[in-house]
Protein backbone atom coordinates (compact mmCIF):
# COMPACT_ATOMS: atom_id res chain seq x y z
CA MET A 1 -7.07 4.46 -33.38
CA GLN A 2 -4.16 6.28 -35.00
CA LEU A 3 -4.00 8.63 -32.03
CA LEU A 4 -3.81 5.70 -29.62
CA GLU A 5 -1.09 4.11 -31.75
CA ARG A 6 0.99 7.30 -31.66
CA LEU A 7 0.53 7.72 -27.92
CA PHE A 8 1.11 4.15 -26.79
CA HIS A 9 2.95 2.37 -29.65
CA LEU A 10 0.59 -0.59 -29.49
CA LYS A 11 1.96 -2.49 -32.51
CA GLU A 12 5.53 -2.04 -31.34
CA ARG A 13 4.63 -3.61 -27.98
CA GLY A 14 2.66 -6.43 -29.60
CA THR A 15 -0.73 -5.50 -28.18
CA THR A 16 -4.12 -4.12 -29.24
CA VAL A 17 -6.69 -1.68 -27.91
CA LYS A 18 -8.98 -4.55 -26.94
CA THR A 19 -6.22 -6.34 -25.04
CA GLU A 20 -5.22 -3.18 -23.21
CA CYS A 21 -8.83 -2.44 -22.23
CA LEU A 22 -9.35 -5.96 -20.93
CA ALA A 23 -6.07 -5.73 -19.01
CA GLY A 24 -7.21 -2.44 -17.47
CA LEU A 25 -10.55 -3.97 -16.43
CA THR A 26 -8.74 -6.96 -14.94
CA THR A 27 -6.48 -4.75 -12.84
CA PHE A 28 -9.42 -2.61 -11.73
CA MET A 29 -11.34 -5.67 -10.58
CA ALA A 30 -8.25 -6.95 -8.77
CA MET A 31 -7.63 -3.75 -6.80
CA CYS A 32 -10.96 -1.92 -6.54
CA TYR A 33 -11.24 -3.27 -3.00
CA ILE A 34 -9.19 -0.22 -2.01
CA LEU A 35 -12.39 1.81 -2.47
CA PHE A 36 -13.64 0.09 0.67
CA VAL A 37 -10.47 -0.61 2.65
CA VAL A 38 -8.37 2.57 2.42
CA PRO A 39 -11.20 5.06 3.20
CA GLY A 40 -12.05 2.99 6.27
CA MET A 41 -8.47 3.25 7.53
CA LEU A 42 -8.41 7.00 6.90
CA ALA A 43 -11.67 7.38 8.80
CA ASP A 44 -10.06 5.50 11.71
CA ALA A 45 -7.37 8.20 11.67
CA GLY A 46 -10.08 10.76 12.44
CA MET A 47 -10.52 12.14 8.94
CA PRO A 48 -13.96 13.32 7.77
CA VAL A 49 -15.68 10.17 6.53
CA ALA A 50 -17.47 11.90 3.65
CA GLY A 51 -14.21 12.99 2.07
CA THR A 52 -12.01 9.92 2.42
CA ALA A 53 -13.36 7.83 -0.48
CA PRO A 54 -13.39 10.73 -3.00
CA ALA A 55 -9.84 11.64 -1.97
CA VAL A 56 -8.65 8.08 -2.58
CA VAL A 57 -10.36 8.00 -5.97
CA TRP A 58 -8.95 11.33 -7.18
CA VAL A 59 -5.41 10.46 -6.14
CA THR A 60 -5.72 7.10 -7.90
CA VAL A 61 -7.16 8.66 -11.06
CA LEU A 62 -4.61 11.47 -11.39
CA ALA A 63 -1.56 9.38 -10.47
CA THR A 64 -2.55 6.46 -12.69
CA LEU A 65 -3.23 8.77 -15.63
CA ALA A 66 0.26 10.23 -15.22
CA MET A 67 1.74 6.74 -15.04
CA GLY A 68 0.00 5.80 -18.29
CA LEU A 69 0.34 8.98 -20.34
CA TRP A 70 3.81 10.11 -19.24
CA ALA A 71 5.68 7.06 -17.94
CA GLY A 72 3.96 4.60 -20.30
CA PHE A 73 3.65 1.87 -17.64
CA PRO A 74 0.58 -0.43 -17.40
CA VAL A 75 0.54 0.27 -13.68
CA ALA A 76 -2.00 1.80 -11.29
CA VAL A 77 -0.92 4.12 -8.47
CA ALA A 78 -3.05 4.55 -5.34
CA PRO A 79 -2.69 5.13 -1.58
CA GLY A 80 -0.83 2.10 -0.25
CA LEU A 81 -2.34 -0.27 2.32
CA GLY A 82 0.79 -0.64 4.44
CA ILE A 83 1.48 3.09 4.53
CA THR A 84 -2.17 3.86 5.29
CA ALA A 85 -2.11 1.39 8.17
CA PHE A 86 1.05 3.04 9.53
CA PHE A 87 -0.57 6.47 9.15
CA ALA A 88 -3.93 5.56 10.71
CA TYR A 89 -2.88 3.19 13.47
CA TYR A 90 0.46 4.67 14.53
CA VAL A 91 0.99 8.25 13.38
CA CYS A 92 -2.59 9.24 14.26
CA GLY A 93 -2.79 6.66 17.04
CA PRO A 94 -0.07 5.88 19.61
CA ALA A 95 2.23 8.60 18.23
CA GLY A 96 -0.49 11.15 19.02
CA TYR A 97 -0.33 13.37 15.94
CA THR A 98 -3.30 14.89 14.16
CA TRP A 99 -4.11 13.70 10.67
CA GLN A 100 -3.34 17.19 9.36
CA THR A 101 0.20 16.95 10.76
CA GLY A 102 0.49 13.42 9.37
CA LEU A 103 -0.42 14.68 5.89
CA GLY A 104 2.32 17.28 6.24
CA ALA A 105 4.78 14.44 6.89
CA VAL A 106 3.45 12.61 3.81
CA PHE A 107 4.08 15.70 1.65
CA ILE A 108 7.63 16.08 2.98
CA SER A 109 8.35 12.41 2.26
CA GLY A 110 7.16 12.95 -1.31
CA VAL A 111 9.54 15.88 -1.74
CA ILE A 112 12.42 13.79 -0.37
CA PHE A 113 11.55 10.89 -2.65
CA LEU A 114 11.47 13.24 -5.65
CA LEU A 115 14.88 14.65 -4.73
CA LEU A 116 16.28 11.14 -4.28
CA THR A 117 14.96 10.21 -7.70
CA VAL A 118 16.22 13.30 -9.51
CA THR A 119 19.69 13.10 -7.94
CA ARG A 120 19.84 9.29 -8.42
CA LEU A 121 20.58 8.80 -4.73
CA ARG A 122 17.54 6.55 -4.85
CA GLN A 123 19.48 3.96 -6.81
CA MET A 124 22.35 4.04 -4.31
CA ILE A 125 19.97 3.43 -1.40
CA ILE A 126 18.15 0.62 -3.17
CA ASP A 127 21.40 -1.11 -4.11
CA ALA A 128 22.78 -0.80 -0.57
CA VAL A 129 19.97 -2.69 1.18
CA PRO A 130 20.29 -6.48 0.80
CA MET A 131 17.48 -8.26 -1.00
CA ASP A 132 16.86 -10.41 2.07
CA LEU A 133 15.86 -7.37 4.10
CA LYS A 134 13.75 -6.03 1.25
CA TYR A 135 11.79 -9.28 1.24
CA ALA A 136 11.55 -9.19 5.05
CA ILE A 137 10.10 -5.68 4.92
CA VAL A 138 7.37 -6.83 2.54
CA VAL A 139 6.58 -9.85 4.75
CA GLY A 140 6.54 -7.76 7.93
CA ILE A 141 4.13 -5.23 6.46
CA GLY A 142 1.95 -8.12 5.33
CA ALA A 143 1.86 -9.52 8.86
CA PHE A 144 1.00 -6.07 10.19
CA ILE A 145 -1.87 -5.64 7.72
CA ALA A 146 -3.23 -9.11 8.52
CA PHE A 147 -3.10 -8.37 12.25
CA ILE A 148 -5.15 -5.21 11.70
CA GLY A 149 -7.68 -7.22 9.69
CA MET A 150 -8.03 -9.76 12.50
CA LYS A 151 -8.45 -6.94 14.99
CA ASN A 152 -11.09 -5.15 12.91
CA CYS A 153 -13.35 -8.21 12.70
CA GLY A 154 -12.88 -9.31 16.32
CA LEU A 155 -10.91 -12.42 15.45
CA VAL A 156 -8.25 -11.27 17.94
CA ILE A 157 -8.92 -9.00 20.89
CA ALA A 158 -6.94 -7.39 23.72
CA SER A 159 -6.22 -9.44 26.84
CA PRO A 160 -4.83 -8.15 30.18
CA SER A 161 -2.96 -11.42 30.78
CA THR A 162 -1.69 -12.38 27.33
CA PHE A 163 -1.88 -8.99 25.53
CA VAL A 164 -3.88 -10.55 22.65
CA THR A 165 -6.17 -13.55 22.53
CA LEU A 166 -8.82 -15.23 20.38
CA GLY A 167 -12.00 -13.21 20.04
CA ASP A 168 -15.59 -14.32 20.55
CA LEU A 169 -16.27 -16.55 17.57
CA SER A 170 -19.98 -16.58 18.34
CA GLN A 171 -20.30 -12.95 17.25
CA PRO A 172 -21.96 -12.64 13.81
CA PRO A 173 -19.45 -10.07 12.43
CA THR A 174 -16.54 -12.37 13.31
CA LEU A 175 -18.25 -15.42 11.80
CA LEU A 176 -19.07 -13.50 8.62
CA ALA A 177 -15.46 -12.32 8.36
CA VAL A 178 -14.18 -15.87 8.73
CA GLY A 179 -16.56 -16.96 6.00
CA GLY A 180 -15.24 -14.12 3.84
CA ILE A 181 -11.67 -15.34 4.31
CA PHE A 182 -12.59 -18.82 3.07
CA LEU A 183 -14.67 -17.45 0.19
CA ILE A 184 -11.98 -15.07 -1.08
CA GLY A 185 -9.28 -17.67 -0.57
CA ALA A 186 -11.19 -20.26 -2.59
CA LEU A 187 -11.98 -17.80 -5.39
CA MET A 188 -8.34 -16.75 -5.61
CA ALA A 189 -7.21 -20.37 -5.68
CA LEU A 190 -9.61 -20.90 -8.58
CA ARG A 191 -8.18 -17.76 -10.26
CA VAL A 192 -11.54 -16.00 -10.33
CA THR A 193 -11.14 -12.38 -11.45
CA GLY A 194 -12.32 -9.89 -8.84
CA ALA A 195 -12.19 -12.41 -5.99
CA MET A 196 -11.64 -9.73 -3.35
CA ILE A 197 -14.48 -7.47 -4.45
CA ILE A 198 -16.79 -10.50 -4.71
CA GLY A 199 -15.88 -11.49 -1.15
CA ILE A 200 -16.47 -7.99 0.20
CA LEU A 201 -19.87 -7.73 -1.48
CA ALA A 202 -20.88 -11.25 -0.37
CA VAL A 203 -20.02 -10.59 3.29
CA THR A 204 -21.73 -7.18 3.17
CA LEU A 205 -24.93 -8.62 1.70
CA ALA A 206 -24.88 -11.50 4.18
CA GLY A 207 -24.55 -8.99 7.02
CA MET A 208 -27.54 -7.05 5.73
CA ALA A 209 -29.63 -10.20 5.31
CA LEU A 210 -28.89 -11.27 8.89
CA GLY A 211 -29.55 -7.80 10.27
CA VAL A 212 -25.96 -7.36 11.47
CA THR A 213 -25.54 -4.16 9.46
CA PRO A 214 -28.20 -1.81 8.04
CA GLY A 215 -29.22 -2.20 4.43
CA PRO A 216 -29.62 0.51 1.80
CA SER A 217 -32.36 3.10 2.16
CA ALA A 218 -33.54 6.20 0.39
CA ALA A 219 -31.37 8.26 2.72
CA THR A 220 -28.31 6.33 1.66
CA PHE A 221 -28.55 7.63 -1.88
CA SER A 222 -29.93 11.07 -1.05
CA GLN A 223 -26.52 12.62 -1.53
CA GLY A 224 -26.59 11.53 -5.18
CA THR A 225 -23.36 12.43 -6.92
CA GLY A 226 -22.60 15.29 -4.56
CA ALA A 227 -19.89 13.46 -2.62
CA ILE A 228 -17.37 13.41 -5.43
CA PHE A 229 -14.82 15.81 -3.94
CA PRO A 230 -12.63 15.31 -0.83
CA SER A 231 -14.63 17.72 1.34
CA GLY A 232 -12.87 18.63 4.57
CA LEU A 233 -9.56 17.16 3.37
CA PHE A 234 -8.38 19.23 0.40
CA LEU A 235 -5.36 21.42 1.32
CA GLN A 236 -5.75 20.59 5.02
CA MET A 237 -2.22 19.30 5.56
CA ASP A 238 -0.24 20.99 8.34
CA LEU A 239 3.22 21.36 6.83
CA ALA A 240 4.44 23.75 9.53
CA GLY A 241 3.23 21.35 12.21
CA ALA A 242 5.10 18.43 10.65
CA LEU A 243 8.31 20.45 10.49
CA GLY A 244 7.79 21.91 13.95
CA HIS A 245 7.24 18.55 15.62
CA GLY A 246 10.40 17.13 14.05
CA LEU A 247 8.76 13.94 12.77
CA PHE A 248 12.08 12.49 11.69
CA SER A 249 11.32 8.82 12.26
CA ILE A 250 7.87 9.06 10.69
CA ILE A 251 9.06 10.95 7.61
CA PHE A 252 12.00 8.57 7.33
CA THR A 253 9.71 5.54 7.48
CA LEU A 254 7.25 6.98 4.95
CA THR A 255 10.12 7.69 2.56
CA MET A 256 11.80 4.31 2.96
CA VAL A 257 8.58 2.29 2.60
CA ASP A 258 7.62 4.27 -0.50
CA LEU A 259 11.11 3.79 -1.89
CA PHE A 260 11.33 0.02 -1.51
CA ASP A 261 7.67 -0.74 -2.18
CA ASN A 262 7.68 1.17 -5.48
CA MET A 263 10.99 -0.24 -6.62
CA GLY A 264 9.96 -3.81 -5.88
CA VAL A 265 6.60 -3.55 -7.63
CA LEU A 266 7.89 -1.65 -10.66
CA ILE A 267 10.84 -3.96 -11.21
CA GLY A 268 8.67 -7.06 -10.90
CA LEU A 269 5.98 -5.75 -13.25
CA ALA A 270 8.51 -4.37 -15.72
CA GLN A 271 10.12 -7.77 -16.00
CA LYS A 272 6.77 -9.49 -16.60
CA ALA A 273 5.74 -6.86 -19.16
CA GLY A 274 9.00 -7.13 -21.08
CA PHE A 275 10.28 -3.67 -20.14
CA MET A 276 13.54 -4.96 -18.68
CA ARG A 277 16.58 -5.48 -20.88
CA GLN A 278 19.09 -8.26 -20.33
CA ASP A 279 21.47 -5.82 -18.63
CA GLY A 280 18.76 -4.98 -16.08
CA HIS A 281 17.89 -1.54 -17.48
CA ILE A 282 14.17 -0.74 -17.35
CA ARG A 283 12.75 1.59 -19.95
CA GLY A 284 10.95 4.56 -18.39
CA LEU A 285 11.71 3.58 -14.78
CA ASP A 286 12.87 7.07 -13.80
CA ARG A 287 9.63 8.58 -15.12
CA ALA A 288 7.64 5.97 -13.23
CA LEU A 289 9.47 6.76 -9.99
CA MET A 290 9.04 10.50 -10.48
CA THR A 291 5.33 9.91 -11.09
CA ASP A 292 5.09 8.07 -7.77
CA SER A 293 6.90 10.82 -5.86
CA CYS A 294 4.74 13.56 -7.38
CA ALA A 295 1.67 11.43 -6.64
CA THR A 296 2.68 11.28 -2.98
CA MET A 297 2.81 15.08 -2.77
CA ALA A 298 -0.55 15.28 -4.54
CA SER A 299 -1.91 12.73 -2.06
CA ALA A 300 -1.09 15.00 0.86
CA LEU A 301 -2.74 17.95 -0.88
CA LEU A 302 -5.91 15.99 -1.61
CA GLY A 303 -6.05 14.36 1.82
CA THR A 304 -4.72 10.79 1.59
CA THR A 305 -1.58 8.90 2.44
CA THR A 306 1.43 7.98 0.31
CA ALA A 307 0.58 6.82 -3.21
CA THR A 308 2.36 3.73 -4.42
CA SER A 309 2.31 1.31 -7.36
CA TYR A 310 0.03 -1.66 -6.75
CA LEU A 311 1.18 -5.25 -7.11
CA GLU A 312 -2.34 -6.21 -8.23
CA CYS A 313 -1.37 -4.72 -11.59
CA ALA A 314 0.35 -8.05 -12.20
CA ALA A 315 -3.13 -9.37 -13.00
CA GLY A 316 -3.47 -6.85 -15.83
CA VAL A 317 0.03 -7.53 -17.10
CA ALA A 318 -0.76 -11.24 -17.10
CA ALA A 319 -3.89 -10.41 -19.13
CA GLY A 320 -1.73 -8.77 -21.80
CA GLY A 321 -1.31 -5.15 -20.62
CA ARG A 322 1.87 -3.77 -22.14
CA THR A 323 1.39 0.00 -22.51
CA GLY A 324 0.17 3.08 -20.70
CA LEU A 325 -3.27 2.56 -22.25
CA THR A 326 -3.91 -0.09 -19.61
CA ALA A 327 -3.29 2.53 -16.90
CA VAL A 328 -5.56 5.04 -18.65
CA VAL A 329 -8.38 2.47 -18.67
CA ILE A 330 -7.82 1.78 -14.98
CA ALA A 331 -7.98 5.52 -14.22
CA GLY A 332 -11.21 5.85 -16.20
CA LEU A 333 -12.87 3.01 -14.28
CA PHE A 334 -11.87 4.52 -10.94
CA LEU A 335 -13.28 7.86 -12.09
CA LEU A 336 -16.62 6.17 -12.81
CA SER A 337 -16.56 4.71 -9.31
CA LEU A 338 -17.00 8.23 -7.90
CA PHE A 339 -20.68 7.93 -8.73
CA LEU A 340 -20.91 4.79 -6.62
CA MET A 341 -19.68 6.44 -3.44
CA PRO A 342 -22.99 6.02 -1.57
CA VAL A 343 -22.48 2.27 -1.85
CA VAL A 344 -19.13 2.52 -0.08
CA SER A 345 -20.81 3.68 3.13
CA LEU A 346 -22.76 0.41 3.28
CA VAL A 347 -19.62 -1.74 3.61
CA PRO A 348 -18.80 -2.55 7.27
CA ALA A 349 -15.31 -3.09 8.69
CA PHE A 350 -15.86 -6.84 9.12
CA ALA A 351 -16.46 -7.13 5.37
CA THR A 352 -13.11 -5.56 4.46
CA ALA A 353 -11.18 -7.37 7.21
CA PRO A 354 -10.86 -10.59 5.15
CA VAL A 355 -9.19 -8.60 2.37
CA LEU A 356 -6.56 -7.27 4.78
CA ILE A 357 -5.85 -10.80 5.97
CA ILE A 358 -5.67 -12.15 2.40
CA VAL A 359 -3.35 -9.32 1.29
CA GLY A 360 -1.15 -10.15 4.28
CA ALA A 361 -1.00 -13.76 3.08
CA LEU A 362 -0.01 -12.63 -0.41
CA MET A 363 2.80 -10.48 0.97
CA MET A 364 3.96 -13.37 3.19
CA GLN A 365 4.88 -15.36 0.07
CA GLU A 366 8.13 -13.41 -0.17
CA VAL A 367 9.44 -15.12 2.97
CA GLY A 368 10.58 -18.07 0.85
CA ARG A 369 13.16 -15.88 -0.84
CA ILE A 370 15.00 -15.01 2.38
CA ARG A 371 18.27 -16.91 2.94
CA PHE A 372 17.59 -18.21 6.47
CA ALA A 373 20.57 -20.57 6.26
CA ASP A 374 22.83 -17.55 6.89
CA PHE A 375 22.10 -16.47 10.47
CA THR A 376 23.53 -12.98 9.93
CA VAL A 377 20.64 -12.65 7.48
CA ALA A 378 18.06 -14.82 9.27
CA LEU A 379 18.03 -12.90 12.56
CA PRO A 380 17.69 -9.38 11.08
CA ALA A 381 15.00 -10.65 8.71
CA PHE A 382 13.14 -12.32 11.57
CA LEU A 383 13.35 -9.18 13.74
CA THR A 384 12.08 -7.08 10.86
CA ILE A 385 9.09 -9.34 10.30
CA ILE A 386 8.08 -10.08 13.89
CA SER A 387 8.52 -6.59 15.34
CA MET A 388 6.17 -4.85 12.92
CA PRO A 389 2.92 -6.48 14.09
CA LEU A 390 4.00 -7.02 17.71
CA THR A 391 5.01 -3.39 18.25
CA PHE A 392 2.24 -2.13 15.95
CA ASN A 393 4.92 -0.03 14.31
CA ILE A 394 6.45 -0.46 10.86
CA ALA A 395 9.28 1.92 11.71
CA THR A 396 10.42 -0.34 14.53
CA GLY A 397 10.66 -3.25 12.11
CA PHE A 398 12.85 -1.25 9.79
CA GLY A 399 15.09 -0.16 12.63
CA PHE A 400 15.51 -3.58 14.24
CA GLY A 401 16.29 -5.17 10.91
CA PHE A 402 18.79 -2.63 9.65
CA VAL A 403 20.65 -2.13 12.95
CA SER A 404 20.89 -5.86 13.68
CA PHE A 405 22.07 -6.62 10.14
CA VAL A 406 24.96 -4.14 10.35
CA GLY A 407 25.77 -5.14 13.94
CA LEU A 408 25.91 -8.87 13.22
CA LYS A 409 28.04 -8.42 10.12
CA ALA A 410 30.47 -6.32 12.15
CA LEU A 411 30.62 -8.76 15.08
CA THR A 412 31.22 -11.78 12.82
CA GLY A 413 34.02 -10.18 10.85
CA ARG A 414 31.91 -9.72 7.71
CA PHE A 415 31.57 -5.97 7.84
CA ARG A 416 32.91 -5.70 4.29
CA GLU A 417 29.59 -7.14 3.10
CA VAL A 418 27.83 -4.00 4.32
CA ARG A 419 27.73 -1.02 1.99
CA PRO A 420 28.44 2.48 3.38
CA VAL A 421 24.94 3.71 2.57
CA MET A 422 23.47 0.80 4.54
CA CYS A 423 25.62 1.79 7.49
CA ALA A 424 24.33 5.34 7.28
CA ILE A 425 20.73 4.12 7.30
CA ALA A 426 21.41 1.89 10.31
CA VAL A 427 23.07 4.78 12.17
CA CYS A 428 19.99 6.93 11.55
CA PHE A 429 17.77 4.29 13.08
CA ALA A 430 20.17 3.78 16.02
CA VAL A 431 20.12 7.50 16.74
CA ASN A 432 16.33 7.48 16.60
CA PHE A 433 16.19 4.62 19.14
CA ALA A 434 18.67 6.45 21.38
CA LEU A 435 16.51 9.57 21.36
CA ARG A 436 13.61 7.53 22.75
CA LEU A 437 15.72 6.69 25.81
CA GLN A 438 15.77 10.31 26.89
């Protein structure tokens, strides 16, 4: 107990070991759905299925331990949903790159983020982008994730006449997914801990009972605890390929999403946990940001996408988590989950689709903070949000939003409201769009 007190200053933060452990368990239950969702996305990118779940777990364990022991934040770090969707369904999809090259781009973005943090350019970039666009980015990514969820369960399908249309609701996987949406939504409204994992398990079991998906067998568990390392993924990133292909827009997008996503989550959680002073200074924020950037580089080495702080940690903070001990508990629980990897293979895509849709709804809540009364803000925010799912490209949403914001301010005589760094970002996106015309 004395060791824990020296490491985490429990009395100083007004907490106890029991409270921190319960907070860690609460956060784990709130976000352990990533054990099912993220590996599925990585598999869709063409990665070896057997290695995706272990890779996600190891990145989460190592990064979260660093966040708890070094940065002292009650925050978990894991491969992000939005970034993973961008990686799987654009970089390794329409963009045509291999997952090895994509991992090389992830590593480069981590190096850039680390340099931005060390040199404090990160703060300049964050301050330059208006809050309205930051909220719009979150909402747009949420819409993109929800669209993917609807696609994965057959709720929406391709149409030659209307591009997308309503799927066949008579299909059992689609019906089960719809039931999962209502179940998870109701549980979350009732503030039931672990609502998402309960929904995933319920839909999976219902699918097995109805014969829609195969149930467990002796062969399922024959691998025992052997699949605990990211086989086929470790050190497979193609750094030379990423540099050789000149993945400027992809690396830029990975860096920017990581930048804003981490800042938003950490600031919000720090305020709730009492880490923020009245002058806005957050104790240990630089260490937390450096942990995230190093975690991103480690993610590429281990075979996953960009690691980011998870908003679900708000559940643990609300439960009383105030120190890095909460993060250590979270890391320990994810480590134990390695021995449950055979179970992960039993979860079908239609069982995780409701979670993607629900997470999209949670991210959509930020839309209320956007100042739509000012049209020089409303239009860029709208373009940011709508273009992400409709173009199936997060980078396009960033570009449309930033370029239109600077352009409208200039055309309406309000260019002084735009900071120089924001102009530089918009120019980068404009150049990227111009290159596509060639």
